Amino acid sequence: MGLPEKKGYRFASLNPRQVILETDSVVLWYYSELKIIHHEMLKMPDSETFRELLTQGANLVERHRATKWLSDDRGNTVLRDHDETWSEREWLPRVVRGGFKYWAIVLPKAAIGKLNMRRLAADHARRGVESFIVDTPEAAFRWLQSK
């Protein structure tokens, strides 16, 4: 139960979670008691993996009315144009309809990635998703717990 301490997720060992998807580039967990979806980008995923990650998360939003999502994007850079277009046209409307409300974002290390994620947070806000940008997954998790 919980993520290994070496991953830096001290909060996870206290909260039951389920691994939904795990590849060499992404991991997706679900905290059923808290209705929190949590992904970590270990490195820039290919388009297929990126879409699988978001699709599996969308399934959780719809199936469990999970309204909270923690995006640990420290290992990510910038989305490819076609992936961003897909997420804006397909994924975002789907999760908003499903009840997605709160998005905690741990920014990528790269400056261009930070700018991109801030822009996406502003875009999501226009759809009713409240975003909180932080430097650590612990701070992101605490914020989501307060919602």
C-alpha atoms as a PDB file:
ATOM      1  CA  MET A   1       0.000   0.000   0.000  1.00  0.00           C
ATOM      2  CA  GLY A   2       1.459   3.342  -1.001  1.00  0.00           C
ATOM      3  CA  LEU A   3       4.288   4.415  -3.215  1.00  0.00           C
ATOM      4  CA  PRO A   4       7.899   3.633  -2.381  1.00  0.00           C
ATOM      5  CA  GLU A   5       9.588   6.292  -0.253  1.00  0.00           C
ATOM      6  CA  LYS A   6      12.382   6.571  -2.840  1.00  0.00           C
ATOM      7  CA  LYS A   7       9.827   8.132  -5.208  1.00  0.00           C
ATOM      8  CA  GLY A   8       9.416  11.020  -2.789  1.00  0.00           C
ATOM      9  CA  TYR A   9       5.707  10.386  -2.204  1.00  0.00           C
ATOM     10  CA  ARG A  10       5.597  10.379   1.599  1.00  0.00           C
ATOM     11  CA  PHE A  11       1.800  10.849   1.577  1.00  0.00           C
ATOM     12  CA  ALA A  12       1.130   7.747  -0.465  1.00  0.00           C
ATOM     13  CA  SER A  13       2.016   5.123   2.132  1.00  0.00           C
ATOM     14  CA  LEU A  14      -0.811   6.449   4.297  1.00  0.00           C
ATOM     15  CA  ASN A  15      -3.450   6.246   1.570  1.00  0.00           C
ATOM     16  CA  PRO A  16      -4.536   3.065  -0.215  1.00  0.00           C
ATOM     17  CA  ARG A  17      -3.965   3.330  -3.934  1.00  0.00           C
ATOM     18  CA  GLN A  18      -4.323   1.160  -7.003  1.00  0.00           C
ATOM     19  CA  VAL A  19      -1.906   1.068  -9.928  1.00  0.00           C
ATOM     20  CA  ILE A  20      -3.974   1.584 -13.082  1.00  0.00           C
ATOM     21  CA  LEU A  21      -1.218   1.940 -15.694  1.00  0.00           C
ATOM     22  CA  GLU A  22       2.545   1.569 -15.487  1.00  0.00           C
ATOM     23  CA  THR A  23       4.997   1.936 -18.360  1.00  0.00           C
ATOM     24  CA  ASP A  24       8.583   3.091 -18.693  1.00  0.00           C
ATOM     25  CA  SER A  25       7.335   6.670 -19.222  1.00  0.00           C
ATOM     26  CA  VAL A  26       4.173   7.066 -17.087  1.00  0.00           C
ATOM     27  CA  VAL A  27       2.458   5.708 -13.994  1.00  0.00           C
ATOM     28  CA  LEU A  28      -1.215   6.199 -13.140  1.00  0.00           C
ATOM     29  CA  TRP A  29      -2.637   5.553  -9.678  1.00  0.00           C
ATOM     30  CA  TYR A  30      -6.091   5.881  -8.186  1.00  0.00           C
ATOM     31  CA  TYR A  31      -6.810   6.666  -4.523  1.00  0.00           C
ATOM     32  CA  SER A  32     -10.328   5.300  -4.202  1.00  0.00           C
ATOM     33  CA  GLU A  33     -11.064   6.579  -0.678  1.00  0.00           C
ATOM     34  CA  LEU A  34     -10.097  10.128  -1.699  1.00  0.00           C
ATOM     35  CA  LYS A  35     -11.278   9.930  -5.312  1.00  0.00           C
ATOM     36  CA  ILE A  36      -7.917  11.271  -6.467  1.00  0.00           C
ATOM     37  CA  ILE A  37      -6.375  10.314  -9.796  1.00  0.00           C
ATOM     38  CA  HIS A  38      -2.603  10.711  -9.807  1.00  0.00           C
ATOM     39  CA  HIS A  39      -0.153  10.385 -12.668  1.00  0.00           C
ATOM     40  CA  GLU A  40       3.580  10.782 -12.885  1.00  0.00           C
ATOM     41  CA  MET A  41       5.389  11.393 -16.147  1.00  0.00           C
ATOM     42  CA  LEU A  42       8.778   9.748 -15.804  1.00  0.00           C
ATOM     43  CA  LYS A  43       9.768  10.962 -19.248  1.00  0.00           C
ATOM     44  CA  MET A  44       7.997  12.260 -22.347  1.00  0.00           C
ATOM     45  CA  PRO A  45       5.613   9.465 -23.386  1.00  0.00           C
ATOM     46  CA  ASP A  46       4.884   8.567 -26.981  1.00  0.00           C
ATOM     47  CA  SER A  47       1.458   9.585 -28.285  1.00  0.00           C
ATOM     48  CA  GLU A  48      -0.093   6.171 -27.743  1.00  0.00           C
ATOM     49  CA  THR A  49       1.006   6.035 -24.102  1.00  0.00           C
ATOM     50  CA  PHE A  50      -0.048   9.649 -23.488  1.00  0.00           C
ATOM     51  CA  ARG A  51      -3.534   8.948 -24.799  1.00  0.00           C
ATOM     52  CA  GLU A  52      -3.779   5.691 -22.855  1.00  0.00           C
ATOM     53  CA  LEU A  53      -2.842   7.539 -19.671  1.00  0.00           C
ATOM     54  CA  LEU A  54      -5.510  10.179 -20.162  1.00  0.00           C
ATOM     55  CA  THR A  55      -8.116   7.663 -21.350  1.00  0.00           C
ATOM     56  CA  GLN A  56      -7.610   5.442 -18.303  1.00  0.00           C
ATOM     57  CA  GLY A  57      -7.887   8.525 -16.097  1.00  0.00           C
ATOM     58  CA  ALA A  58     -11.079   9.589 -17.893  1.00  0.00           C
ATOM     59  CA  ASN A  59     -12.508   6.138 -17.235  1.00  0.00           C
ATOM     60  CA  LEU A  60     -11.868   6.674 -13.504  1.00  0.00           C
ATOM     61  CA  VAL A  61     -13.553  10.078 -13.579  1.00  0.00           C
ATOM     62  CA  GLU A  62     -16.623   8.584 -15.220  1.00  0.00           C
ATOM     63  CA  ARG A  63     -16.766   5.309 -13.304  1.00  0.00           C
ATOM     64  CA  HIS A  64     -16.020   6.650  -9.816  1.00  0.00           C
ATOM     65  CA  ARG A  65     -16.945  10.353 -10.114  1.00  0.00           C
ATOM     66  CA  ALA A  66     -13.330  11.163  -9.261  1.00  0.00           C
ATOM     67  CA  THR A  67     -13.177  14.948  -9.381  1.00  0.00           C
ATOM     68  CA  LYS A  68      -9.512  15.432  -8.422  1.00  0.00           C
ATOM     69  CA  TRP A  69      -6.371  14.861 -10.505  1.00  0.00           C
ATOM     70  CA  LEU A  70      -2.726  15.207  -9.494  1.00  0.00           C
ATOM     71  CA  SER A  71      -0.386  15.642 -12.462  1.00  0.00           C
ATOM     72  CA  ASP A  72       3.252  15.133 -11.530  1.00  0.00           C
ATOM     73  CA  ASP A  73       4.803  16.336 -14.776  1.00  0.00           C
ATOM     74  CA  ARG A  74       8.368  16.903 -13.575  1.00  0.00           C
ATOM     75  CA  GLY A  75       9.636  14.375 -16.118  1.00  0.00           C
ATOM     76  CA  ASN A  76       7.622  15.778 -19.012  1.00  0.00           C
ATOM     77  CA  THR A  77       8.518  18.486 -21.511  1.00  0.00           C
ATOM     78  CA  VAL A  78       6.061  19.938 -24.051  1.00  0.00           C
ATOM     79  CA  LEU A  79       3.084  18.121 -25.522  1.00  0.00           C
ATOM     80  CA  ARG A  80       3.155  17.374 -29.215  1.00  0.00           C
ATOM     81  CA  ASP A  81       0.678  19.542 -31.131  1.00  0.00           C
ATOM     82  CA  HIS A  82      -1.485  16.576 -32.175  1.00  0.00           C
ATOM     83  CA  ASP A  83      -1.601  15.242 -28.585  1.00  0.00           C
ATOM     84  CA  GLU A  84      -2.574  18.629 -27.206  1.00  0.00           C
ATOM     85  CA  THR A  85      -5.275  18.991 -29.862  1.00  0.00           C
ATOM     86  CA  TRP A  86      -6.615  15.514 -29.027  1.00  0.00           C
ATOM     87  CA  SER A  87      -6.662  16.244 -25.301  1.00  0.00           C
ATOM     88  CA  GLU A  88      -8.413  19.586 -25.826  1.00  0.00           C
ATOM     89  CA  ARG A  89     -11.064  18.219 -28.210  1.00  0.00           C
ATOM     90  CA  GLU A  90     -11.593  14.688 -26.927  1.00  0.00           C
ATOM     91  CA  TRP A  91     -10.298  14.216 -23.392  1.00  0.00           C
ATOM     92  CA  LEU A  92     -11.088  17.525 -21.669  1.00  0.00           C
ATOM     93  CA  PRO A  93     -14.770  17.701 -22.652  1.00  0.00           C
ATOM     94  CA  ARG A  94     -15.164  14.069 -21.576  1.00  0.00           C
ATOM     95  CA  VAL A  95     -13.666  14.524 -18.101  1.00  0.00           C
ATOM     96  CA  VAL A  96     -15.467  17.827 -17.515  1.00  0.00           C
ATOM     97  CA  ARG A  97     -18.774  16.092 -18.332  1.00  0.00           C
ATOM     98  CA  GLY A  98     -17.706  13.347 -15.914  1.00  0.00           C
ATOM     99  CA  GLY A  99     -17.212  15.811 -13.055  1.00  0.00           C
ATOM    100  CA  PHE A 100     -13.493  16.716 -13.128  1.00  0.00           C
ATOM    101  CA  LYS A 101     -13.126  19.852 -10.967  1.00  0.00           C
ATOM    102  CA  TYR A 102      -9.693  20.098  -9.300  1.00  0.00           C
ATOM    103  CA  TRP A 103      -6.288  19.793 -10.955  1.00  0.00           C
ATOM    104  CA  ALA A 104      -3.056  19.924  -8.941  1.00  0.00           C
ATOM    105  CA  ILE A 105      -0.019  20.333 -11.186  1.00  0.00           C
ATOM    106  CA  VAL A 106       3.627  19.685 -10.338  1.00  0.00           C
ATOM    107  CA  LEU A 107       5.366  21.547 -13.135  1.00  0.00           C
ATOM    108  CA  PRO A 108       7.940  20.076 -15.504  1.00  0.00           C
ATOM    109  CA  LYS A 109      11.568  20.956 -14.853  1.00  0.00           C
ATOM    110  CA  ALA A 110      12.027  22.490 -18.306  1.00  0.00           C
ATOM    111  CA  ALA A 111      11.063  26.169 -18.649  1.00  0.00           C
ATOM    112  CA  ILE A 112       9.109  25.574 -21.874  1.00  0.00           C
ATOM    113  CA  GLY A 113       7.167  22.797 -20.133  1.00  0.00           C
ATOM    114  CA  LYS A 114       6.316  25.139 -17.261  1.00  0.00           C
ATOM    115  CA  LEU A 115       4.948  27.741 -19.655  1.00  0.00           C
ATOM    116  CA  ASN A 116       2.916  25.116 -21.488  1.00  0.00           C
ATOM    117  CA  MET A 117       1.348  23.710 -18.312  1.00  0.00           C
ATOM    118  CA  ARG A 118       0.451  27.197 -17.034  1.00  0.00           C
ATOM    119  CA  ARG A 119      -1.280  27.882 -20.359  1.00  0.00           C
ATOM    120  CA  LEU A 120      -3.165  24.572 -20.152  1.00  0.00           C
ATOM    121  CA  ALA A 121      -4.253  25.369 -16.579  1.00  0.00           C
ATOM    122  CA  ALA A 122      -5.702  28.670 -17.823  1.00  0.00           C
ATOM    123  CA  ASP A 123      -7.487  26.838 -20.654  1.00  0.00           C
ATOM    124  CA  HIS A 124      -8.938  24.306 -18.210  1.00  0.00           C
ATOM    125  CA  ALA A 125     -10.152  27.120 -15.941  1.00  0.00           C
ATOM    126  CA  ARG A 126     -12.366  28.351 -18.762  1.00  0.00           C
ATOM    127  CA  ARG A 127     -14.050  24.933 -18.596  1.00  0.00           C
ATOM    128  CA  GLY A 128     -14.588  25.144 -14.834  1.00  0.00           C
ATOM    129  CA  VAL A 129     -11.528  23.222 -13.626  1.00  0.00           C
ATOM    130  CA  GLU A 130      -9.735  24.860 -10.694  1.00  0.00           C
ATOM    131  CA  SER A 131      -5.964  24.410 -10.931  1.00  0.00           C
ATOM    132  CA  PHE A 132      -3.229  24.690  -8.323  1.00  0.00           C
ATOM    133  CA  ILE A 133       0.407  24.795  -9.446  1.00  0.00           C
ATOM    134  CA  VAL A 134       3.060  23.661  -6.974  1.00  0.00           C
ATOM    135  CA  ASP A 135       6.642  22.397  -6.801  1.00  0.00           C
ATOM    136  CA  THR A 136       6.086  19.106  -4.984  1.00  0.00           C
ATOM    137  CA  PRO A 137       3.625  16.231  -5.197  1.00  0.00           C
ATOM    138  CA  GLU A 138       3.125  16.416  -1.421  1.00  0.00           C
ATOM    139  CA  ALA A 139       1.835  19.995  -1.664  1.00  0.00           C
ATOM    140  CA  ALA A 140      -0.366  19.007  -4.605  1.00  0.00           C
ATOM    141  CA  PHE A 141      -1.796  16.070  -2.671  1.00  0.00           C
ATOM    142  CA  ARG A 142      -2.519  18.205   0.408  1.00  0.00           C
ATOM    143  CA  TRP A 143      -4.362  20.746  -1.738  1.00  0.00           C
ATOM    144  CA  LEU A 144      -6.489  18.048  -3.355  1.00  0.00           C
ATOM    145  CA  GLN A 145      -7.318  16.580   0.034  1.00  0.00           C
ATOM    146  CA  SER A 146      -8.623  19.990   1.112  1.00  0.00           C
ATOM    147  CA  LYS A 147     -11.080  20.074  -1.810  1.00  0.00           C
END
